[in-house]
Amino acid sequence: MLFIEYPKCTTCQKAKRFLEDRGAVFTDRHIKENPPTLDELKQWHAQSGLPLKRFFNTSGLLYKSLQLKDKLPNMSEEEQLRLLASDGMLVKRPLLICKKTVLVGFRPAEWEALLK
């Protein structure tokens, strides 16, 4: 599993502790220092089955300063993916990338079901 986080994020810290407490084996990746590439985002989006909007960190300062709430509906999926790839801080975190699925954000029940 690949765990993508922003270490200062308290939700990411909780998610990491959650994985560690359950003995999960994962690779850790800092989203700001090593942001997802366009190809990774395309693959993860397809693998997740989630709407692309779920991949945006809607509570982030960058999302708000760019006024993306108003702009995203008028952007193509390709434009949105390119925007996500331009700055890791636009991406919702944590991300848990597994062989068959991608979890976006930390929902303990979802994560628990995956680990069973």
PDB file of N, CA and C in Angstrom:
ATOM      1  N   MET A   1       0.852  -1.186   0.000  1.00  0.00           N
ATOM      2  CA  MET A   1       0.000   0.000   0.000  1.00  0.00           C
ATOM      3  C   MET A   1       0.889   1.239   0.000  1.00  0.00           C
ATOM      4  N   LEU A   2       0.379   2.262  -0.630  1.00  0.00           N
ATOM      5  CA  LEU A   2       1.055   3.551  -0.649  1.00  0.00           C
ATOM      6  C   LEU A   2       0.188   4.531   0.145  1.00  0.00           C
ATOM      7  N   PHE A   3       0.793   5.134   1.158  1.00  0.00           N
ATOM      8  CA  PHE A   3       0.102   6.095   2.022  1.00  0.00           C
ATOM      9  C   PHE A   3       0.650   7.477   1.683  1.00  0.00           C
ATOM     10  N   ILE A   4      -0.215   8.339   1.141  1.00  0.00           N
ATOM     11  CA  ILE A   4       0.201   9.684   0.771  1.00  0.00           C
ATOM     12  C   ILE A   4      -0.368  10.660   1.779  1.00  0.00           C
ATOM     13  N   GLU A   5       0.527  11.447   2.369  1.00  0.00           N
ATOM     14  CA  GLU A   5       0.133  12.316   3.475  1.00  0.00           C
ATOM     15  C   GLU A   5       0.845  13.660   3.423  1.00  0.00           C
ATOM     16  N   TYR A   6       0.317  14.577   4.198  1.00  0.00           N
ATOM     17  CA  TYR A   6       1.003  15.814   4.535  1.00  0.00           C
ATOM     18  C   TYR A   6       1.244  15.694   6.037  1.00  0.00           C
ATOM     19  N   PRO A   7       2.496  15.485   6.463  1.00  0.00           N
ATOM     20  CA  PRO A   7       2.774  15.156   7.865  1.00  0.00           C
ATOM     21  C   PRO A   7       2.227  16.130   8.914  1.00  0.00           C
ATOM     22  N   LYS A   8       2.033  17.395   8.559  1.00  0.00           N
ATOM     23  CA  LYS A   8       1.513  18.370   9.527  1.00  0.00           C
ATOM     24  C   LYS A   8      -0.003  18.270   9.697  1.00  0.00           C
ATOM     25  N   CYS A   9      -0.657  17.545   8.799  1.00  0.00           N
ATOM     26  CA  CYS A   9      -2.112  17.401   8.821  1.00  0.00           C
ATOM     27  C   CYS A   9      -2.525  16.428   9.926  1.00  0.00           C
ATOM     28  N   THR A  10      -3.376  16.871  10.831  1.00  0.00           N
ATOM     29  CA  THR A  10      -3.779  16.009  11.948  1.00  0.00           C
ATOM     30  C   THR A  10      -4.585  14.796  11.485  1.00  0.00           C
ATOM     31  N   THR A  11      -5.365  14.953  10.439  1.00  0.00           N
ATOM     32  CA  THR A  11      -6.116  13.805   9.911  1.00  0.00           C
ATOM     33  C   THR A  11      -5.148  12.765   9.350  1.00  0.00           C
ATOM     34  N   CYS A  12      -4.108  13.228   8.668  1.00  0.00           N
ATOM     35  CA  CYS A  12      -3.094  12.304   8.140  1.00  0.00           C
ATOM     36  C   CYS A  12      -2.381  11.594   9.292  1.00  0.00           C
ATOM     37  N   GLN A  13      -2.108  12.315  10.363  1.00  0.00           N
ATOM     38  CA  GLN A  13      -1.449  11.711  11.529  1.00  0.00           C
ATOM     39  C   GLN A  13      -2.326  10.618  12.133  1.00  0.00           C
ATOM     40  N   LYS A  14      -3.628  10.884  12.227  1.00  0.00           N
ATOM     41  CA  LYS A  14      -4.568   9.882  12.755  1.00  0.00           C
ATOM     42  C   LYS A  14      -4.615   8.659  11.855  1.00  0.00           C
ATOM     43  N   ALA A  15      -4.663   8.888  10.557  1.00  0.00           N
ATOM     44  CA  ALA A  15      -4.729   7.787   9.597  1.00  0.00           C
ATOM     45  C   ALA A  15      -3.462   6.932   9.663  1.00  0.00           C
ATOM     46  N   LYS A  16      -2.321   7.575   9.775  1.00  0.00           N
ATOM     47  CA  LYS A  16      -1.054   6.844   9.850  1.00  0.00           C
ATOM     48  C   LYS A  16      -1.007   5.999  11.121  1.00  0.00           C
ATOM     49  N   ARG A  17      -1.431   6.586  12.218  1.00  0.00           N
ATOM     50  CA  ARG A  17      -1.478   5.855  13.492  1.00  0.00           C
ATOM     51  C   ARG A  17      -2.437   4.667  13.378  1.00  0.00           C
ATOM     52  N   PHE A  18      -3.560   4.875  12.714  1.00  0.00           N
ATOM     53  CA  PHE A  18      -4.546   3.836  12.477  1.00  0.00           C
ATOM     54  C   PHE A  18      -3.905   2.648  11.758  1.00  0.00           C
ATOM     55  N   LEU A  19      -3.159   2.939  10.692  1.00  0.00           N
ATOM     56  CA  LEU A  19      -2.482   1.882   9.931  1.00  0.00           C
ATOM     57  C   LEU A  19      -1.424   1.177  10.780  1.00  0.00           C
ATOM     58  N   GLU A  20      -0.629   1.957  11.470  1.00  0.00           N
ATOM     59  CA  GLU A  20       0.441   1.393  12.304  1.00  0.00           C
ATOM     60  C   GLU A  20      -0.126   0.523  13.422  1.00  0.00           C
ATOM     61  N   ASP A  21      -1.208   0.973  14.053  1.00  0.00           N
ATOM     62  CA  ASP A  21      -1.831   0.212  15.149  1.00  0.00           C
ATOM     63  C   ASP A  21      -2.345  -1.146  14.676  1.00  0.00           C
ATOM     64  N   ARG A  22      -2.647  -1.246  13.387  1.00  0.00           N
ATOM     65  CA  ARG A  22      -3.177  -2.498  12.831  1.00  0.00           C
ATOM     66  C   ARG A  22      -2.107  -3.327  12.132  1.00  0.00           C
ATOM     67  N   GLY A  23      -0.868  -2.873  12.254  1.00  0.00           N
ATOM     68  CA  GLY A  23       0.247  -3.610  11.679  1.00  0.00           C
ATOM     69  C   GLY A  23       0.288  -3.601  10.162  1.00  0.00           C
ATOM     70  N   ALA A  24      -0.353  -2.627   9.550  1.00  0.00           N
ATOM     71  CA  ALA A  24      -0.372  -2.536   8.085  1.00  0.00           C
ATOM     72  C   ALA A  24       1.021  -2.199   7.558  1.00  0.00           C
ATOM     73  N   VAL A  25       1.373  -2.811   6.448  1.00  0.00           N
ATOM     74  CA  VAL A  25       2.644  -2.536   5.789  1.00  0.00           C
ATOM     75  C   VAL A  25       2.366  -1.552   4.651  1.00  0.00           C
ATOM     76  N   PHE A  26       3.049  -0.421   4.691  1.00  0.00           N
ATOM     77  CA  PHE A  26       2.818   0.607   3.680  1.00  0.00           C
ATOM     78  C   PHE A  26       4.068   1.434   3.448  1.00  0.00           C
ATOM     79  N   THR A  27       4.089   2.081   2.295  1.00  0.00           N
ATOM     80  CA  THR A  27       5.137   3.038   1.962  1.00  0.00           C
ATOM     81  C   THR A  27       4.544   4.425   2.168  1.00  0.00           C
ATOM     82  N   ASP A  28       5.302   5.275   2.800  1.00  0.00           N
ATOM     83  CA  ASP A  28       4.873   6.623   3.149  1.00  0.00           C
ATOM     84  C   ASP A  28       5.399   7.613   2.100  1.00  0.00           C
ATOM     85  N   ARG A  29       4.559   8.572   1.709  1.00  0.00           N
ATOM     86  CA  ARG A  29       4.986   9.574   0.724  1.00  0.00           C
ATOM     87  C   ARG A  29       4.433  10.946   1.117  1.00  0.00           C
ATOM     88  N   HIS A  30       5.313  11.929   1.151  1.00  0.00           N
ATOM     89  CA  HIS A  30       4.981  13.317   1.506  1.00  0.00           C
ATOM     90  C   HIS A  30       4.405  14.008   0.263  1.00  0.00           C
ATOM     91  N   ILE A  31       3.142  14.423   0.359  1.00  0.00           N
ATOM     92  CA  ILE A  31       2.418  14.944  -0.807  1.00  0.00           C
ATOM     93  C   ILE A  31       2.976  16.268  -1.341  1.00  0.00           C
ATOM     94  N   LYS A  32       3.584  17.057  -0.475  1.00  0.00           N
ATOM     95  CA  LYS A  32       4.121  18.342  -0.941  1.00  0.00           C
ATOM     96  C   LYS A  32       5.511  18.151  -1.565  1.00  0.00           C
ATOM     97  N   GLU A  33       6.321  17.297  -0.963  1.00  0.00           N
ATOM     98  CA  GLU A  33       7.672  17.059  -1.474  1.00  0.00           C
ATOM     99  C   GLU A  33       7.676  16.156  -2.707  1.00  0.00           C
ATOM    100  N   ASN A  34       6.705  15.263  -2.788  1.00  0.00           N
ATOM    101  CA  ASN A  34       6.625  14.312  -3.899  1.00  0.00           C
ATOM    102  C   ASN A  34       5.163  14.194  -4.341  1.00  0.00           C
ATOM    103  N   PRO A  35       4.641  15.246  -5.000  1.00  0.00           N
ATOM    104  CA  PRO A  35       3.218  15.264  -5.360  1.00  0.00           C
ATOM    105  C   PRO A  35       2.871  14.221  -6.421  1.00  0.00           C
ATOM    106  N   PRO A  36       1.606  13.826  -6.459  1.00  0.00           N
ATOM    107  CA  PRO A  36       1.171  12.874  -7.479  1.00  0.00           C
ATOM    108  C   PRO A  36       1.350  13.446  -8.881  1.00  0.00           C
ATOM    109  N   THR A  37       1.747  12.582  -9.802  1.00  0.00           N
ATOM    110  CA  THR A  37       1.897  12.992 -11.198  1.00  0.00           C
ATOM    111  C   THR A  37       0.535  12.941 -11.894  1.00  0.00           C
ATOM    112  N   LEU A  38       0.479  13.516 -13.064  1.00  0.00           N
ATOM    113  CA  LEU A  38      -0.755  13.488 -13.852  1.00  0.00           C
ATOM    114  C   LEU A  38      -1.163  12.042 -14.137  1.00  0.00           C
ATOM    115  N   ASP A  39      -0.203  11.222 -14.534  1.00  0.00           N
ATOM    116  CA  ASP A  39      -0.513   9.819 -14.836  1.00  0.00           C
ATOM    117  C   ASP A  39      -1.005   9.068 -13.604  1.00  0.00           C
ATOM    118  N   GLU A  40      -0.383   9.317 -12.455  1.00  0.00           N
ATOM    119  CA  GLU A  40      -0.838   8.676 -11.217  1.00  0.00           C
ATOM    120  C   GLU A  40      -2.271   9.091 -10.900  1.00  0.00           C
ATOM    121  N   LEU A  41      -2.538  10.378 -10.989  1.00  0.00           N
ATOM    122  CA  LEU A  41      -3.881  10.872 -10.682  1.00  0.00           C
ATOM    123  C   LEU A  41      -4.932  10.278 -11.615  1.00  0.00           C
ATOM    124  N   LYS A  42      -4.602  10.170 -12.887  1.00  0.00           N
ATOM    125  CA  LYS A  42      -5.538   9.554 -13.839  1.00  0.00           C
ATOM    126  C   LYS A  42      -5.829   8.112 -13.437  1.00  0.00           C
ATOM    127  N   GLN A  43      -4.778   7.387 -13.119  1.00  0.00           N
ATOM    128  CA  GLN A  43      -4.928   5.979 -12.733  1.00  0.00           C
ATOM    129  C   GLN A  43      -5.726   5.852 -11.441  1.00  0.00           C
ATOM    130  N   TRP A  44      -5.383   6.641 -10.443  1.00  0.00           N
ATOM    131  CA  TRP A  44      -6.067   6.559  -9.146  1.00  0.00           C
ATOM    132  C   TRP A  44      -7.524   6.957  -9.253  1.00  0.00           C
ATOM    133  N   HIS A  45      -7.807   7.969 -10.051  1.00  0.00           N
ATOM    134  CA  HIS A  45      -9.184   8.403 -10.240  1.00  0.00           C
ATOM    135  C   HIS A  45     -10.004   7.267 -10.843  1.00  0.00           C
ATOM    136  N   ALA A  46      -9.470   6.648 -11.891  1.00  0.00           N
ATOM    137  CA  ALA A  46     -10.167   5.537 -12.541  1.00  0.00           C
ATOM    138  C   ALA A  46     -10.340   4.360 -11.577  1.00  0.00           C
ATOM    139  N   GLN A  47      -9.299   4.066 -10.835  1.00  0.00           N
ATOM    140  CA  GLN A  47      -9.305   2.935  -9.901  1.00  0.00           C
ATOM    141  C   GLN A  47     -10.285   3.159  -8.741  1.00  0.00           C
ATOM    142  N   SER A  48     -10.431   4.393  -8.329  1.00  0.00           N
ATOM    143  CA  SER A  48     -11.262   4.702  -7.157  1.00  0.00           C
ATOM    144  C   SER A  48     -12.754   4.596  -7.431  1.00  0.00           C
ATOM    145  N   GLY A  49     -13.162   4.921  -8.670  1.00  0.00           N
ATOM    146  CA  GLY A  49     -14.581   4.971  -8.992  1.00  0.00           C
ATOM    147  C   GLY A  49     -15.277   6.185  -8.397  1.00  0.00           C
ATOM    148  N   LEU A  50     -14.507   7.113  -7.856  1.00  0.00           N
ATOM    149  CA  LEU A  50     -15.061   8.318  -7.215  1.00  0.00           C
ATOM    150  C   LEU A  50     -15.143   9.472  -8.211  1.00  0.00           C
ATOM    151  N   PRO A  51     -16.053  10.422  -7.941  1.00  0.00           N
ATOM    152  CA  PRO A  51     -16.056  11.634  -8.767  1.00  0.00           C
ATOM    153  C   PRO A  51     -14.730  12.375  -8.568  1.00  0.00           C
ATOM    154  N   LEU A  52     -14.243  13.020  -9.600  1.00  0.00           N
ATOM    155  CA  LEU A  52     -12.955  13.717  -9.522  1.00  0.00           C
ATOM    156  C   LEU A  52     -12.950  14.793  -8.443  1.00  0.00           C
ATOM    157  N   LYS A  53     -14.083  15.399  -8.200  1.00  0.00           N
ATOM    158  CA  LYS A  53     -14.174  16.452  -7.170  1.00  0.00           C
ATOM    159  C   LYS A  53     -13.703  15.948  -5.805  1.00  0.00           C
ATOM    160  N   ARG A  54     -13.880  14.662  -5.531  1.00  0.00           N
ATOM    161  CA  ARG A  54     -13.452  14.094  -4.246  1.00  0.00           C
ATOM    162  C   ARG A  54     -11.936  14.139  -4.058  1.00  0.00           C
ATOM    163  N   PHE A  55     -11.200  14.301  -5.132  1.00  0.00           N
ATOM    164  CA  PHE A  55      -9.743  14.351  -5.048  1.00  0.00           C
ATOM    165  C   PHE A  55      -9.226  15.747  -4.698  1.00  0.00           C
ATOM    166  N   PHE A  56     -10.110  16.729  -4.677  1.00  0.00           N
ATOM    167  CA  PHE A  56      -9.689  18.095  -4.343  1.00  0.00           C
ATOM    168  C   PHE A  56      -9.790  18.346  -2.846  1.00  0.00           C
ATOM    169  N   ASN A  57      -8.780  19.005  -2.310  1.00  0.00           N
ATOM    170  CA  ASN A  57      -8.755  19.408  -0.906  1.00  0.00           C
ATOM    171  C   ASN A  57      -9.561  20.702  -0.782  1.00  0.00           C
ATOM    172  N   THR A  58     -10.873  20.554  -0.691  1.00  0.00           N
ATOM    173  CA  THR A  58     -11.773  21.714  -0.728  1.00  0.00           C
ATOM    174  C   THR A  58     -11.648  22.616   0.501  1.00  0.00           C
ATOM    175  N   SER A  59     -11.031  22.130   1.566  1.00  0.00           N
ATOM    176  CA  SER A  59     -10.855  22.978   2.747  1.00  0.00           C
ATOM    177  C   SER A  59      -9.483  23.648   2.764  1.00  0.00           C
ATOM    178  N   GLY A  60      -8.672  23.387   1.741  1.00  0.00           N
ATOM    179  CA  GLY A  60      -7.321  23.940   1.691  1.00  0.00           C
ATOM    180  C   GLY A  60      -7.287  25.409   1.305  1.00  0.00           C
ATOM    181  N   LEU A  61      -6.249  26.085   1.769  1.00  0.00           N
ATOM    182  CA  LEU A  61      -6.088  27.516   1.481  1.00  0.00           C
ATOM    183  C   LEU A  61      -5.897  27.770  -0.012  1.00  0.00           C
ATOM    184  N   LEU A  62      -5.141  26.912  -0.682  1.00  0.00           N
ATOM    185  CA  LEU A  62      -4.887  27.104  -2.109  1.00  0.00           C
ATOM    186  C   LEU A  62      -6.179  26.946  -2.915  1.00  0.00           C
ATOM    187  N   TYR A  63      -6.974  25.946  -2.574  1.00  0.00           N
ATOM    188  CA  TYR A  63      -8.259  25.720  -3.239  1.00  0.00           C
ATOM    189  C   TYR A  63      -9.128  26.977  -3.114  1.00  0.00           C
ATOM    190  N   LYS A  64      -9.159  27.532  -1.920  1.00  0.00           N
ATOM    191  CA  LYS A  64      -9.983  28.721  -1.679  1.00  0.00           C
ATOM    192  C   LYS A  64      -9.421  29.956  -2.374  1.00  0.00           C
ATOM    193  N   SER A  65      -8.104  30.135  -2.310  1.00  0.00           N
ATOM    194  CA  SER A  65      -7.506  31.327  -2.922  1.00  0.00           C
ATOM    195  C   SER A  65      -7.652  31.323  -4.442  1.00  0.00           C
ATOM    196  N   LEU A  66      -7.680  30.127  -5.046  1.00  0.00           N
ATOM    197  CA  LEU A  66      -7.870  30.022  -6.492  1.00  0.00           C
ATOM    198  C   LEU A  66      -9.350  30.039  -6.889  1.00  0.00           C
ATOM    199  N   GLN A  67     -10.224  30.117  -5.884  1.00  0.00           N
ATOM    200  CA  GLN A  67     -11.686  30.147  -6.092  1.00  0.00           C
ATOM    201  C   GLN A  67     -12.150  28.972  -6.954  1.00  0.00           C
ATOM    202  N   LEU A  68     -11.643  27.791  -6.625  1.00  0.00           N
ATOM    203  CA  LEU A  68     -11.939  26.613  -7.435  1.00  0.00           C
ATOM    204  C   LEU A  68     -13.373  26.131  -7.301  1.00  0.00           C
ATOM    205  N   LYS A  69     -14.023  26.492  -6.222  1.00  0.00           N
ATOM    206  CA  LYS A  69     -15.431  26.107  -6.065  1.00  0.00           C
ATOM    207  C   LYS A  69     -16.243  26.591  -7.272  1.00  0.00           C
ATOM    208  N   ASP A  70     -15.926  27.785  -7.721  1.00  0.00           N
ATOM    209  CA  ASP A  70     -16.648  28.370  -8.850  1.00  0.00           C
ATOM    210  C   ASP A  70     -16.077  27.945 -10.207  1.00  0.00           C
ATOM    211  N   LYS A  71     -14.792  27.644 -10.251  1.00  0.00           N
ATOM    212  CA  LYS A  71     -14.127  27.362 -11.527  1.00  0.00           C
ATOM    213  C   LYS A  71     -14.212  25.900 -11.956  1.00  0.00           C
ATOM    214  N   LEU A  72     -14.176  24.965 -11.000  1.00  0.00           N
ATOM    215  CA  LEU A  72     -14.142  23.544 -11.352  1.00  0.00           C
ATOM    216  C   LEU A  72     -15.303  23.090 -12.239  1.00  0.00           C
ATOM    217  N   PRO A  73     -16.536  23.530 -11.970  1.00  0.00           N
ATOM    218  CA  PRO A  73     -17.649  23.054 -12.809  1.00  0.00           C
ATOM    219  C   PRO A  73     -17.486  23.382 -14.298  1.00  0.00           C
ATOM    220  N   ASN A  74     -16.710  24.413 -14.614  1.00  0.00           N
ATOM    221  CA  ASN A  74     -16.519  24.831 -15.999  1.00  0.00           C
ATOM    222  C   ASN A  74     -15.243  24.262 -16.620  1.00  0.00           C
ATOM    223  N   MET A  75     -14.536  23.421 -15.873  1.00  0.00           N
ATOM    224  CA  MET A  75     -13.282  22.846 -16.365  1.00  0.00           C
ATOM    225  C   MET A  75     -13.507  21.410 -16.824  1.00  0.00           C
ATOM    226  N   SER A  76     -12.764  21.005 -17.837  1.00  0.00           N
ATOM    227  CA  SER A  76     -12.837  19.616 -18.288  1.00  0.00           C
ATOM    228  C   SER A  76     -12.135  18.725 -17.264  1.00  0.00           C
ATOM    229  N   GLU A  77     -12.381  17.430 -17.366  1.00  0.00           N
ATOM    230  CA  GLU A  77     -11.722  16.489 -16.459  1.00  0.00           C
ATOM    231  C   GLU A  77     -10.205  16.567 -16.626  1.00  0.00           C
ATOM    232  N   GLU A  78      -9.748  16.690 -17.857  1.00  0.00           N
ATOM    233  CA  GLU A  78      -8.304  16.782 -18.123  1.00  0.00           C
ATOM    234  C   GLU A  78      -7.722  18.036 -17.469  1.00  0.00           C
ATOM    235  N   GLU A  79      -8.420  19.153 -17.565  1.00  0.00           N
ATOM    236  CA  GLU A  79      -7.952  20.398 -16.929  1.00  0.00           C
ATOM    237  C   GLU A  79      -7.901  20.242 -15.411  1.00  0.00           C
ATOM    238  N   GLN A  80      -8.899  19.592 -14.854  1.00  0.00           N
ATOM    239  CA  GLN A  80      -8.922  19.384 -13.406  1.00  0.00           C
ATOM    240  C   GLN A  80      -7.766  18.487 -12.967  1.00  0.00           C
ATOM    241  N   LEU A  81      -7.503  17.429 -13.715  1.00  0.00           N
ATOM    242  CA  LEU A  81      -6.397  16.532 -13.387  1.00  0.00           C
ATOM    243  C   LEU A  81      -5.058  17.258 -13.481  1.00  0.00           C
ATOM    244  N   ARG A  82      -4.900  18.074 -14.504  1.00  0.00           N
ATOM    245  CA  ARG A  82      -3.655  18.850 -14.649  1.00  0.00           C
ATOM    246  C   ARG A  82      -3.483  19.828 -13.487  1.00  0.00           C
ATOM    247  N   LEU A  83      -4.571  20.424 -13.065  1.00  0.00           N
ATOM    248  CA  LEU A  83      -4.536  21.339 -11.930  1.00  0.00           C
ATOM    249  C   LEU A  83      -4.121  20.592 -10.661  1.00  0.00           C
ATOM    250  N   LEU A  84      -4.718  19.427 -10.415  1.00  0.00           N
ATOM    251  CA  LEU A  84      -4.347  18.615  -9.255  1.00  0.00           C
ATOM    252  C   LEU A  84      -2.865  18.260  -9.283  1.00  0.00           C
ATOM    253  N   ALA A  85      -2.359  17.922 -10.459  1.00  0.00           N
ATOM    254  CA  ALA A  85      -0.958  17.532 -10.602  1.00  0.00           C
ATOM    255  C   ALA A  85      -0.001  18.714 -10.439  1.00  0.00           C
ATOM    256  N   SER A  86      -0.516  19.926 -10.532  1.00  0.00           N
ATOM    257  CA  SER A  86       0.340  21.114 -10.461  1.00  0.00           C
ATOM    258  C   SER A  86       0.799  21.432  -9.035  1.00  0.00           C
ATOM    259  N   ASP A  87       0.061  20.964  -8.038  1.00  0.00           N
ATOM    260  CA  ASP A  87       0.413  21.267  -6.646  1.00  0.00           C
ATOM    261  C   ASP A  87      -0.223  20.226  -5.724  1.00  0.00           C
ATOM    262  N   GLY A  88       0.611  19.494  -5.000  1.00  0.00           N
ATOM    263  CA  GLY A  88       0.126  18.454  -4.096  1.00  0.00           C
ATOM    264  C   GLY A  88      -0.839  18.954  -3.033  1.00  0.00           C
ATOM    265  N   MET A  89      -0.756  20.240  -2.713  1.00  0.00           N
ATOM    266  CA  MET A  89      -1.627  20.780  -1.670  1.00  0.00           C
ATOM    267  C   MET A  89      -3.077  20.919  -2.144  1.00  0.00           C
ATOM    268  N   LEU A  90      -3.312  20.765  -3.420  1.00  0.00           N
ATOM    269  CA  LEU A  90      -4.689  20.786  -3.931  1.00  0.00           C
ATOM    270  C   LEU A  90      -5.375  19.425  -3.771  1.00  0.00           C
ATOM    271  N   VAL A  91      -4.572  18.398  -3.500  1.00  0.00           N
ATOM    272  CA  VAL A  91      -5.091  17.032  -3.444  1.00  0.00           C
ATOM    273  C   VAL A  91      -5.573  16.686  -2.039  1.00  0.00           C
ATOM    274  N   LYS A  92      -6.760  16.117  -1.972  1.00  0.00           N
ATOM    275  CA  LYS A  92      -7.332  15.653  -0.700  1.00  0.00           C
ATOM    276  C   LYS A  92      -6.414  14.600  -0.113  1.00  0.00           C
ATOM    277  N   ARG A  93      -6.217  14.657   1.168  1.00  0.00           N
ATOM    278  CA  ARG A  93      -5.352  13.702   1.836  1.00  0.00           C
ATOM    279  C   ARG A  93      -5.967  13.263   3.142  1.00  0.00           C
ATOM    280  N   PRO A  94      -5.526  12.150   3.653  1.00  0.00           N
ATOM    281  CA  PRO A  94      -4.557  11.227   3.079  1.00  0.00           C
ATOM    282  C   PRO A  94      -5.172  10.410   1.952  1.00  0.00           C
ATOM    283  N   LEU A  95      -4.284   9.823   1.164  1.00  0.00           N
ATOM    284  CA  LEU A  95      -4.670   8.881   0.116  1.00  0.00           C
ATOM    285  C   LEU A  95      -4.073   7.533   0.483  1.00  0.00           C
ATOM    286  N   LEU A  96      -4.834   6.491   0.286  1.00  0.00           N
ATOM    287  CA  LEU A  96      -4.319   5.143   0.489  1.00  0.00           C
ATOM    288  C   LEU A  96      -4.516   4.399  -0.827  1.00  0.00           C
ATOM    289  N   ILE A  97      -3.394   4.078  -1.457  1.00  0.00           N
ATOM    290  CA  ILE A  97      -3.417   3.441  -2.763  1.00  0.00           C
ATOM    291  C   ILE A  97      -3.130   1.948  -2.575  1.00  0.00           C
ATOM    292  N   CYS A  98      -4.066   1.125  -3.000  1.00  0.00           N
ATOM    293  CA  CYS A  98      -3.921  -0.323  -2.897  1.00  0.00           C
ATOM    294  C   CYS A  98      -4.016  -0.917  -4.300  1.00  0.00           C
ATOM    295  N   LYS A  99      -3.789  -2.218  -4.405  1.00  0.00           N
ATOM    296  CA  LYS A  99      -3.825  -2.857  -5.726  1.00  0.00           C
ATOM    297  C   LYS A  99      -5.170  -2.688  -6.404  1.00  0.00           C
ATOM    298  N   LYS A 100      -6.251  -2.832  -5.644  1.00  0.00           N
ATOM    299  CA  LYS A 100      -7.578  -2.830  -6.257  1.00  0.00           C
ATOM    300  C   LYS A 100      -8.402  -1.577  -6.008  1.00  0.00           C
ATOM    301  N   THR A 101      -7.972  -0.747  -5.080  1.00  0.00           N
ATOM    302  CA  THR A 101      -8.794   0.425  -4.762  1.00  0.00           C
ATOM    303  C   THR A 101      -7.943   1.601  -4.299  1.00  0.00           C
ATOM    304  N   VAL A 102      -8.570   2.754  -4.231  1.00  0.00           N
ATOM    305  CA  VAL A 102      -7.944   3.981  -3.749  1.00  0.00           C
ATOM    306  C   VAL A 102      -8.913   4.618  -2.758  1.00  0.00           C
ATOM    307  N   LEU A 103      -8.417   4.911  -1.564  1.00  0.00           N
ATOM    308  CA  LEU A 103      -9.238   5.600  -0.562  1.00  0.00           C
ATOM    309  C   LEU A 103      -8.770   7.047  -0.479  1.00  0.00           C
ATOM    310  N   VAL A 104      -9.722   7.963  -0.524  1.00  0.00           N
ATOM    311  CA  VAL A 104      -9.430   9.390  -0.501  1.00  0.00           C
ATOM    312  C   VAL A 104     -10.018   9.976   0.778  1.00  0.00           C
ATOM    313  N   GLY A 105      -9.153  10.580   1.595  1.00  0.00           N
ATOM    314  CA  GLY A 105      -9.600  11.083   2.892  1.00  0.00           C
ATOM    315  C   GLY A 105      -9.638   9.931   3.886  1.00  0.00           C
ATOM    316  N   PHE A 106      -9.715  10.262   5.157  1.00  0.00           N
ATOM    317  CA  PHE A 106      -9.691   9.231   6.192  1.00  0.00           C
ATOM    318  C   PHE A 106     -11.084   9.012   6.766  1.00  0.00           C
ATOM    319  N   ARG A 107     -11.642   7.877   6.413  1.00  0.00           N
ATOM    320  CA  ARG A 107     -12.908   7.415   6.991  1.00  0.00           C
ATOM    321  C   ARG A 107     -12.597   6.072   7.645  1.00  0.00           C
ATOM    322  N   PRO A 108     -12.478   6.039   8.982  1.00  0.00           N
ATOM    323  CA  PRO A 108     -12.031   4.825   9.667  1.00  0.00           C
ATOM    324  C   PRO A 108     -12.775   3.550   9.268  1.00  0.00           C
ATOM    325  N   ALA A 109     -14.079   3.599   9.086  1.00  0.00           N
ATOM    326  CA  ALA A 109     -14.843   2.396   8.733  1.00  0.00           C
ATOM    327  C   ALA A 109     -14.404   1.853   7.371  1.00  0.00           C
ATOM    328  N   GLU A 110     -14.191   2.755   6.401  1.00  0.00           N
ATOM    329  CA  GLU A 110     -13.726   2.357   5.061  1.00  0.00           C
ATOM    330  C   GLU A 110     -12.349   1.711   5.148  1.00  0.00           C
ATOM    331  N   TRP A 111     -11.478   2.348   5.915  1.00  0.00           N
ATOM    332  CA  TRP A 111     -10.104   1.864   6.029  1.00  0.00           C
ATOM    333  C   TRP A 111     -10.083   0.509   6.746  1.00  0.00           C
ATOM    334  N   GLU A 112     -10.914   0.375   7.767  1.00  0.00           N
ATOM    335  CA  GLU A 112     -10.985  -0.885   8.511  1.00  0.00           C
ATOM    336  C   GLU A 112     -11.458  -2.018   7.604  1.00  0.00           C
ATOM    337  N   ALA A 113     -12.478  -1.748   6.799  1.00  0.00           N
ATOM    338  CA  ALA A 113     -13.014  -2.754   5.873  1.00  0.00           C
ATOM    339  C   ALA A 113     -11.937  -3.188   4.877  1.00  0.00           C
ATOM    340  N   LEU A 114     -11.131  -2.262   4.425  1.00  0.00           N
ATOM    341  CA  LEU A 114     -10.071  -2.566   3.470  1.00  0.00           C
ATOM    342  C   LEU A 114      -8.996  -3.464   4.097  1.00  0.00           C
ATOM    343  N   LEU A 115      -8.679  -3.214   5.339  1.00  0.00           N
ATOM    344  CA  LEU A 115      -7.596  -3.942   5.994  1.00  0.00           C
ATOM    345  C   LEU A 115      -7.998  -5.363   6.407  1.00  0.00           C
ATOM    346  N   LYS A 116      -9.297  -5.648   6.429  1.00  0.00           N
ATOM    347  CA  LYS A 116      -9.740  -6.991   6.847  1.00  0.00           C
ATOM    348  C   LYS A 116      -9.543  -8.007   5.760  1.00  0.00           C
TER     349      LYS A 116
END
